[in-house]
Amino acid sequence: MLKIQHTLVSLDVIEKHFVCDLQKCRGICCVHGDSGAPLEQEEAEQLERLYDKYKGFMQEEGRQAIEAQGTSVIDSDGDLVTPLIHGKECAYAFRDRDGIYKCAIETAWQKKKIPFRKPVSCHLFPVRLQEYEDFTAVNFEFWKDCRPALELGRKKNMRVYEFLQEALTRRFGREWYRELKGAAKAYLQQFHGLQSEE
């Protein structure tokens, strides 16, 4: 692992290649999982406050789930998460014309209807964060449905931390990402004889 400020970053985040291939995975990360996407308290508050501005982008079943459960819920582990439709896909997910799952929240953000893009846990996927008393662990979470993303990442020569530059910067800040990028390049050059591209 690499220590960057108050975080410990898994070497998988540095070594693994990854670029989402929506044409192949169909956005299945919005469907799979035992519970909804993890939320921070501030995000849950924004989802509730902005609901009327983005609900028009949701599918009807998603709106019904929100009306029944609320814009956020506590799962069986006691974590704050997004609600699900019948225990399956995220209530905020919908299928576009090509049958690819998209996020209604992000769609509303893209159309400048709301200032909130989407939960940072979704933005960071396939990276997951684990909070400890003295540090935050930054880990790569592999799903078999993401195999096409590994292949596309290798083809584009893009690693997880590079693909997630925007999301990681959003969560940890520009200086943190600058340190990560420098440490990653040094690590890859030293242990793999490689250097990630600018």
N, C-alpha and C. Protein backbone atom coordinates (compact mmCIF):
# COMPACT_ATOMS: atom_id res chain seq x y z
N MET A 1 0.84 -1.19 0.00
CA MET A 1 0.00 0.00 0.00
C MET A 1 0.88 1.25 0.00
N LEU A 2 0.32 2.33 -0.53
CA LEU A 2 1.02 3.61 -0.52
C LEU A 2 0.34 4.53 0.49
N LYS A 3 1.12 5.18 1.33
CA LYS A 3 0.57 6.13 2.29
C LYS A 3 0.56 7.51 1.66
N ILE A 4 -0.62 8.06 1.48
CA ILE A 4 -0.79 9.39 0.93
C ILE A 4 -1.60 10.20 1.94
N GLN A 5 -0.93 11.14 2.61
CA GLN A 5 -1.55 11.94 3.66
C GLN A 5 -2.22 11.02 4.69
N HIS A 6 -3.54 11.13 4.86
CA HIS A 6 -4.25 10.35 5.89
C HIS A 6 -4.84 9.07 5.32
N THR A 7 -4.37 8.64 4.13
CA THR A 7 -4.95 7.47 3.49
C THR A 7 -3.89 6.39 3.24
N LEU A 8 -4.35 5.14 3.12
CA LEU A 8 -3.53 4.04 2.66
C LEU A 8 -4.16 3.53 1.37
N VAL A 9 -3.44 3.62 0.28
CA VAL A 9 -3.97 3.30 -1.04
C VAL A 9 -3.47 1.92 -1.47
N SER A 10 -4.40 1.03 -1.77
CA SER A 10 -4.06 -0.32 -2.22
C SER A 10 -3.24 -0.25 -3.51
N LEU A 11 -2.28 -1.15 -3.64
CA LEU A 11 -1.46 -1.19 -4.86
C LEU A 11 -2.30 -1.57 -6.08
N ASP A 12 -3.43 -2.23 -5.87
CA ASP A 12 -4.32 -2.55 -7.00
C ASP A 12 -4.80 -1.27 -7.68
N VAL A 13 -5.00 -0.21 -6.91
CA VAL A 13 -5.45 1.07 -7.46
C VAL A 13 -4.38 1.65 -8.39
N ILE A 14 -3.14 1.32 -8.11
CA ILE A 14 -2.01 1.81 -8.90
C ILE A 14 -1.71 0.88 -10.07
N GLU A 15 -1.78 -0.41 -9.84
CA GLU A 15 -1.33 -1.39 -10.82
C GLU A 15 -2.40 -1.80 -11.83
N LYS A 16 -3.64 -1.93 -11.39
CA LYS A 16 -4.68 -2.44 -12.27
C LYS A 16 -5.07 -1.42 -13.35
N HIS A 17 -5.30 -1.95 -14.56
CA HIS A 17 -5.83 -1.12 -15.63
C HIS A 17 -7.36 -1.15 -15.55
N PHE A 18 -7.99 -0.01 -15.88
CA PHE A 18 -9.46 0.03 -15.75
C PHE A 18 -10.03 1.22 -16.51
N VAL A 19 -11.00 0.95 -17.36
CA VAL A 19 -11.82 1.99 -18.00
C VAL A 19 -13.21 1.39 -18.18
N CYS A 20 -14.22 2.00 -17.60
CA CYS A 20 -15.58 1.46 -17.72
C CYS A 20 -15.95 1.26 -19.19
N ASP A 21 -16.54 0.11 -19.49
CA ASP A 21 -16.98 -0.21 -20.84
C ASP A 21 -18.50 -0.43 -20.78
N LEU A 22 -19.24 0.66 -20.81
CA LEU A 22 -20.69 0.58 -20.62
C LEU A 22 -21.40 -0.23 -21.70
N GLN A 23 -20.82 -0.28 -22.89
CA GLN A 23 -21.45 -1.05 -23.96
C GLN A 23 -21.46 -2.54 -23.63
N LYS A 24 -20.54 -2.97 -22.77
CA LYS A 24 -20.46 -4.39 -22.41
C LYS A 24 -21.04 -4.69 -21.03
N CYS A 25 -20.79 -3.82 -20.06
CA CYS A 25 -21.29 -4.10 -18.71
C CYS A 25 -22.72 -3.61 -18.51
N ARG A 26 -23.15 -2.67 -19.36
CA ARG A 26 -24.53 -2.13 -19.32
C ARG A 26 -24.85 -1.41 -18.03
N GLY A 27 -23.82 -0.93 -17.31
CA GLY A 27 -24.06 -0.20 -16.07
C GLY A 27 -24.56 -1.08 -14.95
N ILE A 28 -24.12 -2.34 -14.95
CA ILE A 28 -24.65 -3.31 -14.00
C ILE A 28 -24.31 -2.97 -12.55
N CYS A 29 -23.33 -2.09 -12.32
CA CYS A 29 -22.99 -1.71 -10.94
C CYS A 29 -24.14 -0.98 -10.25
N CYS A 30 -25.10 -0.47 -11.05
CA CYS A 30 -26.27 0.18 -10.47
C CYS A 30 -27.32 -0.84 -10.00
N VAL A 31 -27.07 -2.11 -10.32
CA VAL A 31 -28.04 -3.17 -10.02
C VAL A 31 -27.52 -4.15 -8.97
N HIS A 32 -26.29 -4.61 -9.14
CA HIS A 32 -25.74 -5.64 -8.26
C HIS A 32 -25.37 -5.08 -6.90
N GLY A 33 -25.36 -5.94 -5.91
CA GLY A 33 -24.97 -5.56 -4.56
C GLY A 33 -26.04 -5.94 -3.54
N ASP A 34 -25.62 -6.03 -2.31
CA ASP A 34 -26.54 -6.43 -1.24
C ASP A 34 -27.37 -5.27 -0.72
N SER A 35 -26.89 -4.04 -0.96
CA SER A 35 -27.64 -2.86 -0.52
C SER A 35 -27.34 -1.73 -1.47
N GLY A 36 -27.89 -0.56 -1.19
CA GLY A 36 -27.69 0.59 -2.07
C GLY A 36 -26.29 1.17 -1.95
N ALA A 37 -26.08 2.24 -2.69
CA ALA A 37 -24.77 2.91 -2.69
C ALA A 37 -24.55 3.63 -1.37
N PRO A 38 -23.36 3.51 -0.78
CA PRO A 38 -23.08 4.22 0.48
C PRO A 38 -23.23 5.73 0.32
N LEU A 39 -23.77 6.35 1.34
CA LEU A 39 -23.99 7.80 1.33
C LEU A 39 -23.32 8.46 2.53
N GLU A 40 -22.83 9.67 2.34
CA GLU A 40 -22.41 10.49 3.45
C GLU A 40 -23.64 11.28 3.90
N GLN A 41 -23.65 11.71 5.15
CA GLN A 41 -24.83 12.39 5.70
C GLN A 41 -25.21 13.61 4.86
N GLU A 42 -24.21 14.37 4.46
CA GLU A 42 -24.49 15.57 3.65
C GLU A 42 -25.12 15.20 2.31
N GLU A 43 -24.69 14.08 1.74
CA GLU A 43 -25.26 13.64 0.47
C GLU A 43 -26.72 13.24 0.65
N ALA A 44 -27.01 12.54 1.74
CA ALA A 44 -28.39 12.14 2.01
C ALA A 44 -29.29 13.37 2.14
N GLU A 45 -28.77 14.40 2.77
CA GLU A 45 -29.54 15.63 2.93
C GLU A 45 -29.78 16.31 1.58
N GLN A 46 -28.77 16.28 0.72
CA GLN A 46 -28.93 16.88 -0.60
C GLN A 46 -29.93 16.10 -1.45
N LEU A 47 -29.89 14.78 -1.36
CA LEU A 47 -30.84 13.96 -2.12
C LEU A 47 -32.27 14.28 -1.73
N GLU A 48 -32.49 14.49 -0.44
CA GLU A 48 -33.83 14.82 0.03
C GLU A 48 -34.24 16.22 -0.40
N ARG A 49 -33.32 17.16 -0.26
CA ARG A 49 -33.63 18.56 -0.56
C ARG A 49 -33.87 18.78 -2.06
N LEU A 50 -33.15 18.05 -2.92
CA LEU A 50 -33.21 18.28 -4.36
C LEU A 50 -34.16 17.33 -5.09
N TYR A 51 -34.85 16.50 -4.35
CA TYR A 51 -35.65 15.43 -4.96
C TYR A 51 -36.60 15.93 -6.05
N ASP A 52 -37.32 17.00 -5.80
CA ASP A 52 -38.29 17.50 -6.78
C ASP A 52 -37.64 17.92 -8.09
N LYS A 53 -36.34 18.23 -8.04
CA LYS A 53 -35.65 18.71 -9.25
C LYS A 53 -35.08 17.57 -10.10
N TYR A 54 -34.89 16.38 -9.51
CA TYR A 54 -34.35 15.28 -10.31
C TYR A 54 -35.30 14.10 -10.45
N LYS A 55 -36.41 14.09 -9.73
CA LYS A 55 -37.28 12.92 -9.79
C LYS A 55 -37.87 12.69 -11.17
N GLY A 56 -37.96 13.74 -11.98
CA GLY A 56 -38.48 13.59 -13.33
C GLY A 56 -37.60 12.73 -14.23
N PHE A 57 -36.36 12.53 -13.83
CA PHE A 57 -35.44 11.70 -14.61
C PHE A 57 -35.46 10.23 -14.17
N MET A 58 -36.19 9.95 -13.10
CA MET A 58 -36.24 8.60 -12.56
C MET A 58 -37.33 7.78 -13.23
N GLN A 59 -37.19 6.46 -13.18
CA GLN A 59 -38.26 5.59 -13.65
C GLN A 59 -39.36 5.55 -12.59
N GLU A 60 -40.55 5.19 -12.99
CA GLU A 60 -41.69 5.21 -12.08
C GLU A 60 -41.47 4.30 -10.87
N GLU A 61 -40.89 3.13 -11.09
CA GLU A 61 -40.63 2.22 -9.97
C GLU A 61 -39.66 2.84 -8.97
N GLY A 62 -38.73 3.62 -9.46
CA GLY A 62 -37.79 4.29 -8.58
C GLY A 62 -38.49 5.33 -7.72
N ARG A 63 -39.39 6.09 -8.33
CA ARG A 63 -40.14 7.09 -7.56
C ARG A 63 -41.02 6.42 -6.51
N GLN A 64 -41.60 5.28 -6.87
CA GLN A 64 -42.42 4.54 -5.90
C GLN A 64 -41.58 4.06 -4.73
N ALA A 65 -40.37 3.61 -5.03
CA ALA A 65 -39.47 3.15 -3.97
C ALA A 65 -39.10 4.30 -3.03
N ILE A 66 -38.87 5.48 -3.59
CA ILE A 66 -38.55 6.66 -2.78
C ILE A 66 -39.73 7.04 -1.90
N GLU A 67 -40.91 7.02 -2.47
CA GLU A 67 -42.10 7.38 -1.70
C GLU A 67 -42.33 6.39 -0.55
N ALA A 68 -41.98 5.14 -0.77
CA ALA A 68 -42.18 4.12 0.26
C ALA A 68 -41.07 4.10 1.30
N GLN A 69 -39.82 4.38 0.87
CA GLN A 69 -38.67 4.22 1.76
C GLN A 69 -37.99 5.52 2.16
N GLY A 70 -38.14 6.56 1.33
CA GLY A 70 -37.40 7.80 1.55
C GLY A 70 -36.24 7.90 0.57
N THR A 71 -35.60 9.05 0.53
CA THR A 71 -34.51 9.27 -0.42
C THR A 71 -33.22 8.60 0.02
N SER A 72 -33.15 8.15 1.26
CA SER A 72 -32.02 7.36 1.76
C SER A 72 -32.54 6.43 2.85
N VAL A 73 -31.80 5.35 3.09
CA VAL A 73 -32.23 4.36 4.08
C VAL A 73 -31.01 3.86 4.86
N ILE A 74 -31.28 3.19 5.96
CA ILE A 74 -30.24 2.50 6.73
C ILE A 74 -30.32 1.02 6.40
N ASP A 75 -29.21 0.44 5.93
CA ASP A 75 -29.25 -0.97 5.54
C ASP A 75 -29.05 -1.89 6.73
N SER A 76 -28.96 -3.19 6.48
CA SER A 76 -28.87 -4.18 7.56
C SER A 76 -27.57 -4.08 8.35
N ASP A 77 -26.55 -3.43 7.77
CA ASP A 77 -25.28 -3.23 8.47
C ASP A 77 -25.25 -1.93 9.25
N GLY A 78 -26.36 -1.19 9.16
CA GLY A 78 -26.41 0.09 9.87
C GLY A 78 -25.81 1.24 9.10
N ASP A 79 -25.59 1.05 7.79
CA ASP A 79 -24.99 2.09 6.96
C ASP A 79 -26.05 2.90 6.21
N LEU A 80 -25.75 4.15 5.97
CA LEU A 80 -26.63 5.04 5.22
C LEU A 80 -26.40 4.78 3.73
N VAL A 81 -27.47 4.42 3.00
CA VAL A 81 -27.34 4.04 1.59
C VAL A 81 -28.54 4.52 0.79
N THR A 82 -28.43 4.40 -0.54
CA THR A 82 -29.57 4.71 -1.40
C THR A 82 -30.57 3.56 -1.32
N PRO A 83 -31.86 3.85 -1.50
CA PRO A 83 -32.87 2.79 -1.48
C PRO A 83 -32.82 1.97 -2.77
N LEU A 84 -33.37 0.75 -2.70
CA LEU A 84 -33.41 -0.16 -3.84
C LEU A 84 -34.84 -0.39 -4.30
N ILE A 85 -34.97 -0.85 -5.54
CA ILE A 85 -36.27 -1.25 -6.07
C ILE A 85 -36.39 -2.75 -5.90
N HIS A 86 -37.29 -3.18 -5.03
CA HIS A 86 -37.51 -4.61 -4.76
C HIS A 86 -36.20 -5.34 -4.44
N GLY A 87 -35.30 -4.68 -3.71
CA GLY A 87 -34.06 -5.30 -3.30
C GLY A 87 -33.06 -5.51 -4.42
N LYS A 88 -33.26 -4.85 -5.57
CA LYS A 88 -32.37 -5.05 -6.72
C LYS A 88 -31.68 -3.74 -7.10
N GLU A 89 -32.09 -3.14 -8.22
CA GLU A 89 -31.36 -1.96 -8.67
C GLU A 89 -31.61 -0.74 -7.79
N CYS A 90 -30.65 0.18 -7.84
CA CYS A 90 -30.77 1.43 -7.10
C CYS A 90 -32.02 2.18 -7.57
N ALA A 91 -32.70 2.80 -6.64
CA ALA A 91 -33.93 3.53 -6.98
C ALA A 91 -33.66 4.68 -7.94
N TYR A 92 -32.43 5.15 -7.99
CA TYR A 92 -32.09 6.28 -8.85
C TYR A 92 -31.61 5.84 -10.23
N ALA A 93 -31.57 4.53 -10.48
CA ALA A 93 -31.12 4.02 -11.78
C ALA A 93 -32.29 3.93 -12.76
N PHE A 94 -31.97 4.14 -14.03
CA PHE A 94 -32.95 3.94 -15.09
C PHE A 94 -32.21 3.43 -16.33
N ARG A 95 -32.93 2.83 -17.24
CA ARG A 95 -32.33 2.34 -18.48
C ARG A 95 -32.54 3.34 -19.60
N ASP A 96 -31.46 3.62 -20.34
CA ASP A 96 -31.60 4.53 -21.47
C ASP A 96 -32.09 3.76 -22.69
N ARG A 97 -32.11 4.41 -23.84
CA ARG A 97 -32.66 3.79 -25.05
C ARG A 97 -31.87 2.56 -25.48
N ASP A 98 -30.61 2.51 -25.08
CA ASP A 98 -29.76 1.37 -25.45
C ASP A 98 -29.78 0.27 -24.39
N GLY A 99 -30.61 0.45 -23.37
CA GLY A 99 -30.70 -0.57 -22.33
C GLY A 99 -29.58 -0.51 -21.31
N ILE A 100 -28.87 0.61 -21.27
CA ILE A 100 -27.77 0.79 -20.32
C ILE A 100 -28.28 1.52 -19.09
N TYR A 101 -27.95 1.01 -17.92
CA TYR A 101 -28.36 1.67 -16.69
C TYR A 101 -27.59 2.98 -16.51
N LYS A 102 -28.31 4.03 -16.25
CA LYS A 102 -27.74 5.35 -15.98
C LYS A 102 -28.29 5.86 -14.65
N CYS A 103 -27.71 6.94 -14.16
CA CYS A 103 -28.11 7.53 -12.88
C CYS A 103 -28.97 8.77 -13.12
N ALA A 104 -30.17 8.78 -12.56
CA ALA A 104 -31.06 9.93 -12.72
C ALA A 104 -30.48 11.18 -12.08
N ILE A 105 -29.77 11.00 -10.97
CA ILE A 105 -29.16 12.15 -10.29
C ILE A 105 -28.10 12.78 -11.20
N GLU A 106 -27.23 11.95 -11.75
CA GLU A 106 -26.17 12.48 -12.62
C GLU A 106 -26.75 13.07 -13.90
N THR A 107 -27.81 12.48 -14.41
CA THR A 107 -28.45 13.01 -15.61
C THR A 107 -28.98 14.42 -15.34
N ALA A 108 -29.61 14.60 -14.18
CA ALA A 108 -30.11 15.93 -13.80
C ALA A 108 -28.95 16.92 -13.65
N TRP A 109 -27.84 16.45 -13.10
CA TRP A 109 -26.65 17.29 -12.95
C TRP A 109 -26.09 17.69 -14.31
N GLN A 110 -26.01 16.72 -15.23
CA GLN A 110 -25.50 16.99 -16.57
C GLN A 110 -26.36 18.03 -17.29
N LYS A 111 -27.65 18.03 -17.00
CA LYS A 111 -28.57 18.99 -17.63
C LYS A 111 -28.69 20.28 -16.81
N LYS A 112 -27.79 20.41 -15.81
CA LYS A 112 -27.69 21.62 -14.98
C LYS A 112 -28.98 21.92 -14.20
N LYS A 113 -29.67 20.85 -13.82
CA LYS A 113 -30.89 21.01 -13.01
C LYS A 113 -30.56 21.03 -11.52
N ILE A 114 -29.45 20.38 -11.13
CA ILE A 114 -29.06 20.33 -9.73
C ILE A 114 -27.54 20.51 -9.63
N PRO A 115 -27.03 20.98 -8.49
CA PRO A 115 -25.58 21.18 -8.32
C PRO A 115 -24.84 19.93 -7.84
N PHE A 116 -25.58 18.90 -7.46
CA PHE A 116 -25.00 17.68 -6.89
C PHE A 116 -24.88 16.62 -7.97
N ARG A 117 -23.68 16.10 -8.21
CA ARG A 117 -23.48 15.17 -9.33
C ARG A 117 -24.07 13.79 -9.07
N LYS A 118 -23.63 13.15 -8.02
CA LYS A 118 -24.11 11.83 -7.59
C LYS A 118 -23.31 11.46 -6.36
N PRO A 119 -23.72 10.43 -5.60
CA PRO A 119 -22.94 10.05 -4.42
C PRO A 119 -21.49 9.78 -4.79
N VAL A 120 -20.58 10.23 -3.94
CA VAL A 120 -19.16 10.06 -4.25
C VAL A 120 -18.78 8.58 -4.29
N SER A 121 -19.49 7.73 -3.56
CA SER A 121 -19.19 6.28 -3.61
C SER A 121 -19.44 5.73 -5.01
N CYS A 122 -20.44 6.25 -5.71
CA CYS A 122 -20.72 5.82 -7.08
C CYS A 122 -19.66 6.38 -8.03
N HIS A 123 -19.31 7.63 -7.82
CA HIS A 123 -18.30 8.29 -8.64
C HIS A 123 -16.96 7.58 -8.53
N LEU A 124 -16.65 7.04 -7.37
CA LEU A 124 -15.37 6.40 -7.11
C LEU A 124 -15.30 4.94 -7.59
N PHE A 125 -16.42 4.31 -7.83
CA PHE A 125 -16.41 2.89 -8.19
C PHE A 125 -15.51 2.65 -9.39
N PRO A 126 -14.61 1.64 -9.37
CA PRO A 126 -14.54 0.46 -8.51
C PRO A 126 -13.69 0.62 -7.25
N VAL A 127 -13.38 1.84 -6.88
CA VAL A 127 -12.67 2.08 -5.62
C VAL A 127 -13.69 2.17 -4.50
N ARG A 128 -13.39 1.53 -3.39
CA ARG A 128 -14.22 1.61 -2.19
C ARG A 128 -13.37 2.14 -1.04
N LEU A 129 -13.99 2.92 -0.19
CA LEU A 129 -13.30 3.50 0.96
C LEU A 129 -13.72 2.81 2.24
N GLN A 130 -12.78 2.59 3.12
CA GLN A 130 -13.06 2.03 4.45
C GLN A 130 -12.45 2.98 5.48
N GLU A 131 -13.30 3.53 6.32
CA GLU A 131 -12.84 4.50 7.31
C GLU A 131 -12.38 3.80 8.59
N TYR A 132 -11.18 4.14 9.03
CA TYR A 132 -10.64 3.65 10.29
C TYR A 132 -10.35 4.85 11.19
N GLU A 133 -9.99 4.59 12.41
CA GLU A 133 -9.79 5.69 13.37
C GLU A 133 -8.68 6.63 12.92
N ASP A 134 -7.59 6.09 12.39
CA ASP A 134 -6.43 6.91 12.06
C ASP A 134 -6.20 7.12 10.57
N PHE A 135 -6.94 6.42 9.72
CA PHE A 135 -6.71 6.57 8.29
C PHE A 135 -7.92 6.07 7.50
N THR A 136 -7.92 6.39 6.21
CA THR A 136 -8.93 5.89 5.28
C THR A 136 -8.25 4.94 4.30
N ALA A 137 -8.78 3.73 4.19
CA ALA A 137 -8.25 2.75 3.23
C ALA A 137 -8.93 2.98 1.88
N VAL A 138 -8.11 3.03 0.83
CA VAL A 138 -8.60 3.24 -0.53
C VAL A 138 -8.33 1.95 -1.30
N ASN A 139 -9.37 1.16 -1.53
CA ASN A 139 -9.20 -0.18 -2.10
C ASN A 139 -9.89 -0.34 -3.45
N PHE A 140 -9.37 -1.25 -4.24
CA PHE A 140 -9.98 -1.62 -5.52
C PHE A 140 -10.90 -2.82 -5.27
N GLU A 141 -12.16 -2.70 -5.70
CA GLU A 141 -13.12 -3.79 -5.53
C GLU A 141 -13.43 -4.40 -6.88
N PHE A 142 -13.00 -5.64 -7.09
CA PHE A 142 -13.21 -6.29 -8.38
C PHE A 142 -14.55 -7.00 -8.44
N TRP A 143 -15.29 -6.75 -9.51
CA TRP A 143 -16.51 -7.47 -9.83
C TRP A 143 -16.29 -8.19 -11.15
N LYS A 144 -16.78 -9.40 -11.26
CA LYS A 144 -16.59 -10.16 -12.51
C LYS A 144 -17.23 -9.44 -13.70
N ASP A 145 -18.28 -8.66 -13.44
CA ASP A 145 -18.93 -7.91 -14.51
C ASP A 145 -18.02 -6.81 -15.06
N CYS A 146 -16.95 -6.51 -14.33
CA CYS A 146 -16.05 -5.44 -14.74
C CYS A 146 -14.86 -5.95 -15.55
N ARG A 147 -14.86 -7.22 -15.92
CA ARG A 147 -13.76 -7.73 -16.73
C ARG A 147 -13.56 -6.93 -18.02
N PRO A 148 -14.64 -6.53 -18.71
CA PRO A 148 -14.44 -5.71 -19.92
C PRO A 148 -13.73 -4.39 -19.61
N ALA A 149 -13.93 -3.86 -18.41
CA ALA A 149 -13.26 -2.61 -18.03
C ALA A 149 -11.77 -2.82 -17.86
N LEU A 150 -11.38 -3.99 -17.36
CA LEU A 150 -9.96 -4.31 -17.23
C LEU A 150 -9.32 -4.41 -18.62
N GLU A 151 -10.04 -5.04 -19.55
CA GLU A 151 -9.52 -5.20 -20.91
C GLU A 151 -9.41 -3.85 -21.61
N LEU A 152 -10.44 -3.01 -21.46
CA LEU A 152 -10.40 -1.69 -22.09
C LEU A 152 -9.31 -0.82 -21.46
N GLY A 153 -9.12 -0.96 -20.16
CA GLY A 153 -8.06 -0.21 -19.49
C GLY A 153 -6.69 -0.59 -20.00
N ARG A 154 -6.49 -1.89 -20.23
CA ARG A 154 -5.20 -2.34 -20.79
C ARG A 154 -5.01 -1.81 -22.21
N LYS A 155 -6.09 -1.81 -22.97
CA LYS A 155 -6.01 -1.34 -24.35
C LYS A 155 -5.67 0.16 -24.39
N LYS A 156 -6.24 0.91 -23.46
CA LYS A 156 -5.99 2.35 -23.41
C LYS A 156 -4.79 2.71 -22.53
N ASN A 157 -4.19 1.70 -21.90
CA ASN A 157 -3.07 1.90 -20.97
C ASN A 157 -3.43 2.92 -19.88
N MET A 158 -4.58 2.72 -19.28
CA MET A 158 -5.05 3.60 -18.22
C MET A 158 -5.30 2.79 -16.96
N ARG A 159 -4.74 3.25 -15.86
CA ARG A 159 -4.87 2.54 -14.60
C ARG A 159 -6.02 3.12 -13.76
N VAL A 160 -6.40 2.38 -12.73
CA VAL A 160 -7.56 2.76 -11.92
C VAL A 160 -7.45 4.21 -11.44
N TYR A 161 -6.30 4.57 -10.85
CA TYR A 161 -6.17 5.91 -10.27
C TYR A 161 -6.24 6.99 -11.34
N GLU A 162 -5.82 6.68 -12.57
CA GLU A 162 -5.90 7.65 -13.66
C GLU A 162 -7.34 7.80 -14.15
N PHE A 163 -8.03 6.66 -14.29
CA PHE A 163 -9.43 6.69 -14.71
C PHE A 163 -10.28 7.47 -13.72
N LEU A 164 -9.95 7.37 -12.45
CA LEU A 164 -10.74 8.01 -11.39
C LEU A 164 -10.17 9.34 -10.92
N GLN A 165 -9.37 9.98 -11.73
CA GLN A 165 -8.75 11.24 -11.31
C GLN A 165 -9.78 12.25 -10.80
N GLU A 166 -10.85 12.45 -11.56
CA GLU A 166 -11.86 13.43 -11.18
C GLU A 166 -12.53 13.05 -9.86
N ALA A 167 -12.90 11.78 -9.73
CA ALA A 167 -13.60 11.33 -8.52
C ALA A 167 -12.69 11.38 -7.30
N LEU A 168 -11.44 10.93 -7.45
CA LEU A 168 -10.50 10.95 -6.33
C LEU A 168 -10.18 12.38 -5.91
N THR A 169 -10.06 13.28 -6.88
CA THR A 169 -9.82 14.69 -6.57
C THR A 169 -11.02 15.29 -5.85
N ARG A 170 -12.20 14.91 -6.29
CA ARG A 170 -13.42 15.38 -5.63
C ARG A 170 -13.44 14.96 -4.16
N ARG A 171 -13.04 13.72 -3.89
CA ARG A 171 -13.11 13.19 -2.52
C ARG A 171 -11.97 13.67 -1.63
N PHE A 172 -10.75 13.70 -2.18
CA PHE A 172 -9.58 13.97 -1.34
C PHE A 172 -8.86 15.29 -1.63
N GLY A 173 -9.15 15.92 -2.75
CA GLY A 173 -8.52 17.21 -3.05
C GLY A 173 -7.40 17.11 -4.08
N ARG A 174 -7.06 18.24 -4.66
CA ARG A 174 -6.05 18.30 -5.73
C ARG A 174 -4.66 17.92 -5.22
N GLU A 175 -4.30 18.41 -4.03
CA GLU A 175 -2.96 18.14 -3.51
C GLU A 175 -2.79 16.66 -3.23
N TRP A 176 -3.82 16.04 -2.68
CA TRP A 176 -3.77 14.60 -2.42
C TRP A 176 -3.57 13.84 -3.71
N TYR A 177 -4.32 14.19 -4.76
CA TYR A 177 -4.19 13.47 -6.02
C TYR A 177 -2.82 13.71 -6.64
N ARG A 178 -2.30 14.91 -6.51
CA ARG A 178 -0.97 15.20 -7.05
C ARG A 178 0.07 14.31 -6.37
N GLU A 179 -0.06 14.13 -5.06
CA GLU A 179 0.87 13.26 -4.33
C GLU A 179 0.70 11.81 -4.76
N LEU A 180 -0.54 11.38 -4.93
CA LEU A 180 -0.81 10.01 -5.37
C LEU A 180 -0.20 9.76 -6.74
N LYS A 181 -0.41 10.67 -7.66
CA LYS A 181 0.10 10.51 -9.01
C LYS A 181 1.62 10.39 -9.01
N GLY A 182 2.29 11.23 -8.24
CA GLY A 182 3.74 11.18 -8.16
C GLY A 182 4.23 9.88 -7.56
N ALA A 183 3.57 9.43 -6.48
CA ALA A 183 3.96 8.19 -5.83
C ALA A 183 3.69 6.99 -6.74
N ALA A 184 2.58 7.03 -7.48
CA ALA A 184 2.23 5.94 -8.39
C ALA A 184 3.25 5.82 -9.51
N LYS A 185 3.63 6.94 -10.08
CA LYS A 185 4.61 6.92 -11.18
C LYS A 185 5.95 6.38 -10.69
N ALA A 186 6.36 6.82 -9.49
CA ALA A 186 7.63 6.34 -8.93
C ALA A 186 7.57 4.84 -8.66
N TYR A 187 6.44 4.38 -8.11
CA TYR A 187 6.28 2.95 -7.81
C TYR A 187 6.31 2.11 -9.09
N LEU A 188 5.56 2.52 -10.09
CA LEU A 188 5.50 1.76 -11.33
C LEU A 188 6.85 1.71 -12.03
N GLN A 189 7.58 2.80 -11.96
CA GLN A 189 8.89 2.83 -12.59
C GLN A 189 9.88 1.94 -11.84
N GLN A 190 9.81 1.97 -10.51
CA GLN A 190 10.76 1.21 -9.71
C GLN A 190 10.49 -0.29 -9.75
N PHE A 191 9.23 -0.68 -9.62
CA PHE A 191 8.91 -2.10 -9.47
C PHE A 191 8.44 -2.79 -10.76
N HIS A 192 8.07 -2.00 -11.76
CA HIS A 192 7.59 -2.59 -13.00
C HIS A 192 8.32 -2.09 -14.23
N GLY A 193 9.26 -1.18 -14.01
CA GLY A 193 10.00 -0.63 -15.13
C GLY A 193 9.12 0.18 -16.04
N LEU A 194 8.01 0.69 -15.49
CA LEU A 194 7.03 1.43 -16.29
C LEU A 194 6.86 2.82 -15.73
N GLN A 195 6.24 3.66 -16.53
CA GLN A 195 5.89 4.99 -16.05
C GLN A 195 4.58 5.36 -16.68
N SER A 196 3.58 5.71 -15.85
CA SER A 196 2.27 6.04 -16.41
C SER A 196 2.39 7.32 -17.23
N GLU A 197 1.54 7.41 -18.24
CA GLU A 197 1.59 8.55 -19.14
C GLU A 197 1.02 9.79 -18.49
N GLU A 198 1.50 10.95 -18.98
CA GLU A 198 0.96 12.22 -18.47
C GLU A 198 -0.44 12.39 -19.01
